[in-house]
Amino acid sequence: MKQLLKNLMTEDSGQDLIEYALVSALIGLGAIASITALKNSVTGAFNGIGSGLTAAV
């Protein structure tokens, strides 16, 4: 039992996978934050384009 616990504490085979998961989670959170911040300006741009097209027709 002692040897099993010692092996679990020293084994690092899954460390890379956890690091990649954390990096991808941070990238996802950054993307969500930037999309939320740009939401109003993108909405305004599309509304302006739609108004311009409606007035041209």
C-alpha atoms as a PDB file:
ATOM      1  CA  MET A   1       0.000   0.000   0.000  1.00  0.00           C
ATOM      2  CA  LYS A   2       2.866   2.358   0.824  1.00  0.00           C
ATOM      3  CA  GLN A   3       4.452   1.655  -2.546  1.00  0.00           C
ATOM      4  CA  LEU A   4       1.189   2.429  -4.373  1.00  0.00           C
ATOM      5  CA  LEU A   5       0.838   5.794  -2.638  1.00  0.00           C
ATOM      6  CA  LYS A   6       4.498   6.586  -3.309  1.00  0.00           C
ATOM      7  CA  ASN A   7       4.047   5.770  -7.011  1.00  0.00           C
ATOM      8  CA  LEU A   8       0.950   7.956  -7.240  1.00  0.00           C
ATOM      9  CA  MET A   9       2.782  10.922  -5.729  1.00  0.00           C
ATOM     10  CA  THR A  10       5.806  10.649  -8.028  1.00  0.00           C
ATOM     11  CA  GLU A  11       4.022   9.749 -11.273  1.00  0.00           C
ATOM     12  CA  ASP A  12       3.547  12.657 -13.686  1.00  0.00           C
ATOM     13  CA  SER A  13       2.277  10.975 -16.851  1.00  0.00           C
ATOM     14  CA  GLY A  14      -0.971  12.993 -16.991  1.00  0.00           C
ATOM     15  CA  GLN A  15       0.624  16.350 -16.274  1.00  0.00           C
ATOM     16  CA  ASP A  16       0.903  17.427 -19.929  1.00  0.00           C
ATOM     17  CA  LEU A  17      -2.762  16.700 -20.586  1.00  0.00           C
ATOM     18  CA  ILE A  18      -3.827  18.809 -17.616  1.00  0.00           C
ATOM     19  CA  GLU A  19      -1.619  21.693 -18.749  1.00  0.00           C
ATOM     20  CA  TYR A  20      -3.080  21.586 -22.264  1.00  0.00           C
ATOM     21  CA  ALA A  21      -6.596  21.539 -20.805  1.00  0.00           C
ATOM     22  CA  LEU A  22      -5.838  24.583 -18.645  1.00  0.00           C
ATOM     23  CA  VAL A  23      -4.343  26.507 -21.577  1.00  0.00           C
ATOM     24  CA  SER A  24      -7.324  25.721 -23.803  1.00  0.00           C
ATOM     25  CA  ALA A  25      -9.713  26.767 -21.025  1.00  0.00           C
ATOM     26  CA  LEU A  26      -7.891  30.102 -20.669  1.00  0.00           C
ATOM     27  CA  ILE A  27      -8.040  30.656 -24.435  1.00  0.00           C
ATOM     28  CA  GLY A  28     -11.764  29.888 -24.386  1.00  0.00           C
ATOM     29  CA  LEU A  29     -12.382  32.311 -21.542  1.00  0.00           C
ATOM     30  CA  GLY A  30     -10.403  34.987 -23.373  1.00  0.00           C
ATOM     31  CA  ALA A  31     -12.448  34.455 -26.520  1.00  0.00           C
ATOM     32  CA  ILE A  32     -15.713  34.711 -24.596  1.00  0.00           C
ATOM     33  CA  ALA A  33     -14.553  37.889 -22.855  1.00  0.00           C
ATOM     34  CA  SER A  34     -13.498  39.536 -26.114  1.00  0.00           C
ATOM     35  CA  ILE A  35     -16.722  38.573 -27.892  1.00  0.00           C
ATOM     36  CA  THR A  36     -18.741  39.990 -25.002  1.00  0.00           C
ATOM     37  CA  ALA A  37     -16.738  43.221 -25.076  1.00  0.00           C
ATOM     38  CA  LEU A  38     -17.137  43.633 -28.852  1.00  0.00           C
ATOM     39  CA  LYS A  39     -20.813  42.671 -28.949  1.00  0.00           C
ATOM     40  CA  ASN A  40     -22.176  46.220 -28.962  1.00  0.00           C
ATOM     41  CA  SER A  41     -19.841  47.532 -31.667  1.00  0.00           C
ATOM     42  CA  VAL A  42     -20.534  44.563 -33.955  1.00  0.00           C
ATOM     43  CA  THR A  43     -24.268  44.912 -33.408  1.00  0.00           C
ATOM     44  CA  GLY A  44     -24.060  48.626 -34.226  1.00  0.00           C
ATOM     45  CA  ALA A  45     -22.093  47.944 -37.404  1.00  0.00           C
ATOM     46  CA  PHE A  46     -24.605  45.377 -38.658  1.00  0.00           C
ATOM     47  CA  ASN A  47     -27.531  47.637 -37.792  1.00  0.00           C
ATOM     48  CA  GLY A  48     -25.883  50.474 -39.730  1.00  0.00           C
ATOM     49  CA  ILE A  49     -25.330  48.247 -42.749  1.00  0.00           C
ATOM     50  CA  GLY A  50     -28.930  47.008 -42.573  1.00  0.00           C
ATOM     51  CA  SER A  51     -30.280  50.550 -42.369  1.00  0.00           C
ATOM     52  CA  GLY A  52     -28.144  51.602 -45.311  1.00  0.00           C
ATOM     53  CA  LEU A  53     -29.354  48.692 -47.411  1.00  0.00           C
ATOM     54  CA  THR A  54     -32.971  49.319 -46.484  1.00  0.00           C
ATOM     55  CA  ALA A  55     -32.683  52.987 -47.431  1.00  0.00           C
ATOM     56  CA  ALA A  56     -31.020  52.115 -50.760  1.00  0.00           C
ATOM     57  CA  VAL A  57     -33.864  49.777 -51.772  1.00  0.00           C
END
